[in-house]
Amino acid sequence: MRRYSDKQPLSTLSEINITPLLDLAFVLLIIFMITTPLLENSMDLVVPSSEAANKPVDTQKVQTVSIDRNDTLKLNMNSVTPIALEQELIALRNKDPNVAVVLRAHRELPVQKFISVMDIIRRAGITKVGVMTRPEED
């Protein structure tokens, strides 16, 4: 067995010590794990403003379109067919171009049926559309 003192002074080092390399890799990993979530949420936006935007809507002129889980459409509590709904919404828009519509949908209604009603409202040319929701009950 050779002792450390028995080594020749010009011998080559045959093993590389990787401990400092692993320490550096783990430190970099921790730094990236900490900074990555901060980079995702650091978007600085300045929202433009306008004097003409967001004029208050007269709540007396808001029309309510309801659709229940059985596909029954109602306009202001009166049952209508999809074709009649579109015609009545076009007539309301022709009477008042600033008409607003609130859409009430049953929570178990398939999304495609909700989107089809939204398409009817869009085809009628109504741009002020809201979706009525209610807060979750605890």
C-alpha atoms as a PDB file:
ATOM      1  CA  MET A   1       0.000   0.000   0.000  1.00  0.00           C
ATOM      2  CA  ARG A   2       1.315   3.407  -0.954  1.00  0.00           C
ATOM      3  CA  ARG A   3       1.092   6.320   1.310  1.00  0.00           C
ATOM      4  CA  TYR A   4       0.526   9.901   0.307  1.00  0.00           C
ATOM      5  CA  SER A   5       4.096  10.731   1.058  1.00  0.00           C
ATOM      6  CA  ASP A   6       5.280   7.947  -1.218  1.00  0.00           C
ATOM      7  CA  LYS A   7       3.725   9.515  -4.350  1.00  0.00           C
ATOM      8  CA  GLN A   8       6.006  11.002  -6.855  1.00  0.00           C
ATOM      9  CA  PRO A   9       5.726  14.767  -7.253  1.00  0.00           C
ATOM     10  CA  LEU A  10       5.067  14.573 -11.041  1.00  0.00           C
ATOM     11  CA  SER A  11       2.277  11.988 -11.012  1.00  0.00           C
ATOM     12  CA  THR A  12      -0.913  12.783 -12.953  1.00  0.00           C
ATOM     13  CA  LEU A  13      -4.273  13.141 -11.275  1.00  0.00           C
ATOM     14  CA  SER A  14      -6.473  10.324 -12.571  1.00  0.00           C
ATOM     15  CA  GLU A  15      -9.729  11.263 -10.757  1.00  0.00           C
ATOM     16  CA  ILE A  16     -11.721  14.498 -11.001  1.00  0.00           C
ATOM     17  CA  ASN A  17     -13.398  15.809  -7.872  1.00  0.00           C
ATOM     18  CA  ILE A  18     -17.008  16.536  -8.922  1.00  0.00           C
ATOM     19  CA  THR A  19     -18.263  17.804  -5.559  1.00  0.00           C
ATOM     20  CA  PRO A  20     -17.771  21.512  -6.432  1.00  0.00           C
ATOM     21  CA  LEU A  21     -19.487  20.917  -9.786  1.00  0.00           C
ATOM     22  CA  LEU A  22     -22.514  19.339  -8.086  1.00  0.00           C
ATOM     23  CA  ASP A  23     -22.651  22.179  -5.546  1.00  0.00           C
ATOM     24  CA  LEU A  24     -22.720  24.704  -8.368  1.00  0.00           C
ATOM     25  CA  ALA A  25     -25.416  22.767 -10.247  1.00  0.00           C
ATOM     26  CA  PHE A  26     -27.662  22.575  -7.180  1.00  0.00           C
ATOM     27  CA  VAL A  27     -27.225  26.269  -6.402  1.00  0.00           C
ATOM     28  CA  LEU A  28     -28.152  27.187  -9.985  1.00  0.00           C
ATOM     29  CA  LEU A  29     -31.152  24.851  -9.860  1.00  0.00           C
ATOM     30  CA  ILE A  30     -32.426  26.504  -6.684  1.00  0.00           C
ATOM     31  CA  ILE A  31     -31.916  29.985  -8.155  1.00  0.00           C
ATOM     32  CA  PHE A  32     -33.909  29.067 -11.288  1.00  0.00           C
ATOM     33  CA  MET A  33     -36.662  27.440  -9.236  1.00  0.00           C
ATOM     34  CA  ILE A  34     -37.074  30.610  -7.179  1.00  0.00           C
ATOM     35  CA  THR A  35     -36.895  33.143 -10.023  1.00  0.00           C
ATOM     36  CA  THR A  36     -39.008  31.366 -12.676  1.00  0.00           C
ATOM     37  CA  PRO A  37     -42.418  31.929 -10.995  1.00  0.00           C
ATOM     38  CA  LEU A  38     -41.547  35.586 -10.486  1.00  0.00           C
ATOM     39  CA  LEU A  39     -40.845  36.060 -14.187  1.00  0.00           C
ATOM     40  CA  GLU A  40     -44.235  34.671 -15.240  1.00  0.00           C
ATOM     41  CA  ASN A  41     -46.266  37.216 -13.245  1.00  0.00           C
ATOM     42  CA  SER A  42     -44.116  40.263 -13.836  1.00  0.00           C
ATOM     43  CA  MET A  43     -45.994  41.741 -16.791  1.00  0.00           C
ATOM     44  CA  ASP A  44     -46.265  45.499 -16.516  1.00  0.00           C
ATOM     45  CA  LEU A  45     -49.340  46.752 -18.358  1.00  0.00           C
ATOM     46  CA  VAL A  46     -50.681  50.250 -18.630  1.00  0.00           C
ATOM     47  CA  VAL A  47     -54.343  50.047 -19.610  1.00  0.00           C
ATOM     48  CA  PRO A  48     -55.449  52.806 -21.979  1.00  0.00           C
ATOM     49  CA  SER A  49     -58.272  55.069 -20.915  1.00  0.00           C
ATOM     50  CA  SER A  50     -61.031  56.744 -22.844  1.00  0.00           C
ATOM     51  CA  GLU A  51     -63.628  59.345 -22.023  1.00  0.00           C
ATOM     52  CA  ALA A  52     -66.206  57.750 -24.333  1.00  0.00           C
ATOM     53  CA  ALA A  53     -65.889  54.209 -22.999  1.00  0.00           C
ATOM     54  CA  ASN A  54     -68.035  52.590 -20.326  1.00  0.00           C
ATOM     55  CA  LYS A  55     -71.017  54.892 -20.385  1.00  0.00           C
ATOM     56  CA  PRO A  56     -73.529  53.758 -17.789  1.00  0.00           C
ATOM     57  CA  VAL A  57     -76.269  51.483 -19.062  1.00  0.00           C
ATOM     58  CA  ASP A  58     -79.848  52.325 -18.175  1.00  0.00           C
ATOM     59  CA  THR A  59     -81.065  49.308 -16.203  1.00  0.00           C
ATOM     60  CA  GLN A  60     -84.622  49.900 -17.412  1.00  0.00           C
ATOM     61  CA  LYS A  61     -83.531  49.165 -21.001  1.00  0.00           C
ATOM     62  CA  VAL A  62     -81.626  45.939 -20.267  1.00  0.00           C
ATOM     63  CA  GLN A  63     -83.183  42.893 -21.901  1.00  0.00           C
ATOM     64  CA  THR A  64     -82.826  39.506 -20.204  1.00  0.00           C
ATOM     65  CA  VAL A  65     -82.358  36.323 -22.220  1.00  0.00           C
ATOM     66  CA  SER A  66     -82.707  33.142 -20.153  1.00  0.00           C
ATOM     67  CA  ILE A  67     -82.001  29.561 -21.113  1.00  0.00           C
ATOM     68  CA  ASP A  68     -82.712  26.656 -18.800  1.00  0.00           C
ATOM     69  CA  ARG A  69     -81.402  23.101 -18.835  1.00  0.00           C
ATOM     70  CA  ASN A  70     -84.279  21.991 -21.104  1.00  0.00           C
ATOM     71  CA  ASP A  71     -83.240  24.481 -23.854  1.00  0.00           C
ATOM     72  CA  THR A  72     -86.201  26.761 -23.177  1.00  0.00           C
ATOM     73  CA  LEU A  73     -85.338  30.271 -24.336  1.00  0.00           C
ATOM     74  CA  LYS A  74     -87.016  33.233 -22.695  1.00  0.00           C
ATOM     75  CA  LEU A  75     -86.780  36.894 -23.540  1.00  0.00           C
ATOM     76  CA  ASN A  76     -87.917  38.982 -20.559  1.00  0.00           C
ATOM     77  CA  MET A  77     -89.779  35.941 -19.134  1.00  0.00           C
ATOM     78  CA  ASN A  78     -91.612  35.232 -22.424  1.00  0.00           C
ATOM     79  CA  SER A  79     -90.818  31.899 -24.114  1.00  0.00           C
ATOM     80  CA  VAL A  80     -89.433  32.261 -27.635  1.00  0.00           C
ATOM     81  CA  THR A  81     -87.850  30.088 -30.299  1.00  0.00           C
ATOM     82  CA  PRO A  82     -84.270  30.787 -31.423  1.00  0.00           C
ATOM     83  CA  ILE A  83     -85.481  32.327 -34.707  1.00  0.00           C
ATOM     84  CA  ALA A  84     -88.042  34.522 -32.916  1.00  0.00           C
ATOM     85  CA  LEU A  85     -85.381  35.526 -30.365  1.00  0.00           C
ATOM     86  CA  GLU A  86     -83.100  36.749 -33.134  1.00  0.00           C
ATOM     87  CA  GLN A  87     -85.930  38.679 -34.818  1.00  0.00           C
ATOM     88  CA  GLU A  88     -87.010  40.320 -31.555  1.00  0.00           C
ATOM     89  CA  LEU A  89     -83.429  41.253 -30.689  1.00  0.00           C
ATOM     90  CA  ILE A  90     -82.978  42.808 -34.146  1.00  0.00           C
ATOM     91  CA  ALA A  91     -86.207  44.786 -33.637  1.00  0.00           C
ATOM     92  CA  LEU A  92     -85.006  45.946 -30.203  1.00  0.00           C
ATOM     93  CA  ARG A  93     -81.642  46.986 -31.660  1.00  0.00           C
ATOM     94  CA  ASN A  94     -83.344  48.890 -34.482  1.00  0.00           C
ATOM     95  CA  LYS A  95     -85.482  50.711 -31.933  1.00  0.00           C
ATOM     96  CA  ASP A  96     -82.504  51.497 -29.661  1.00  0.00           C
ATOM     97  CA  PRO A  97     -78.941  50.930 -30.965  1.00  0.00           C
ATOM     98  CA  ASN A  98     -77.586  51.027 -27.397  1.00  0.00           C
ATOM     99  CA  VAL A  99     -79.705  48.132 -26.149  1.00  0.00           C
ATOM    100  CA  ALA A 100     -78.002  45.855 -23.638  1.00  0.00           C
ATOM    101  CA  VAL A 101     -78.663  42.156 -23.107  1.00  0.00           C
ATOM    102  CA  VAL A 102     -78.003  40.049 -20.034  1.00  0.00           C
ATOM    103  CA  LEU A 103     -77.772  36.319 -20.605  1.00  0.00           C
ATOM    104  CA  ARG A 104     -78.855  33.990 -17.795  1.00  0.00           C
ATOM    105  CA  ALA A 105     -77.933  30.355 -18.302  1.00  0.00           C
ATOM    106  CA  HIS A 106     -78.525  27.316 -16.112  1.00  0.00           C
ATOM    107  CA  ARG A 107     -75.313  26.061 -14.524  1.00  0.00           C
ATOM    108  CA  GLU A 108     -75.737  22.532 -15.957  1.00  0.00           C
ATOM    109  CA  LEU A 109     -76.335  23.790 -19.493  1.00  0.00           C
ATOM    110  CA  PRO A 110     -73.825  22.462 -22.052  1.00  0.00           C
ATOM    111  CA  VAL A 111     -71.398  25.113 -23.230  1.00  0.00           C
ATOM    112  CA  GLN A 112     -72.302  24.642 -26.894  1.00  0.00           C
ATOM    113  CA  LYS A 113     -75.918  25.659 -26.239  1.00  0.00           C
ATOM    114  CA  PHE A 114     -74.706  28.738 -24.376  1.00  0.00           C
ATOM    115  CA  ILE A 115     -72.466  29.641 -27.310  1.00  0.00           C
ATOM    116  CA  SER A 116     -75.333  29.196 -29.780  1.00  0.00           C
ATOM    117  CA  VAL A 117     -77.395  31.764 -27.842  1.00  0.00           C
ATOM    118  CA  MET A 118     -74.380  34.089 -27.802  1.00  0.00           C
ATOM    119  CA  ASP A 119     -74.184  33.667 -31.597  1.00  0.00           C
ATOM    120  CA  ILE A 120     -77.850  34.659 -31.911  1.00  0.00           C
ATOM    121  CA  ILE A 121     -77.154  37.817 -29.903  1.00  0.00           C
ATOM    122  CA  ARG A 122     -74.091  38.603 -32.029  1.00  0.00           C
ATOM    123  CA  ARG A 123     -76.021  38.087 -35.290  1.00  0.00           C
ATOM    124  CA  ALA A 124     -78.646  40.518 -33.990  1.00  0.00           C
ATOM    125  CA  GLY A 125     -75.880  43.137 -33.835  1.00  0.00           C
ATOM    126  CA  ILE A 126     -76.001  43.703 -30.093  1.00  0.00           C
ATOM    127  CA  THR A 127     -72.604  44.590 -28.644  1.00  0.00           C
ATOM    128  CA  LYS A 128     -73.471  45.221 -24.997  1.00  0.00           C
ATOM    129  CA  VAL A 129     -73.793  41.715 -23.592  1.00  0.00           C
ATOM    130  CA  GLY A 130     -73.408  40.535 -20.015  1.00  0.00           C
ATOM    131  CA  VAL A 131     -73.576  37.127 -18.389  1.00  0.00           C
ATOM    132  CA  MET A 132     -75.515  36.923 -15.147  1.00  0.00           C
ATOM    133  CA  THR A 133     -73.902  34.895 -12.387  1.00  0.00           C
ATOM    134  CA  ARG A 134     -74.423  34.397  -8.708  1.00  0.00           C
ATOM    135  CA  PRO A 135     -71.863  33.941  -5.963  1.00  0.00           C
ATOM    136  CA  GLU A 136     -70.920  30.451  -4.798  1.00  0.00           C
ATOM    137  CA  GLU A 137     -72.724  29.325  -1.689  1.00  0.00           C
ATOM    138  CA  ASP A 138     -70.481  28.148   1.127  1.00  0.00           C
END
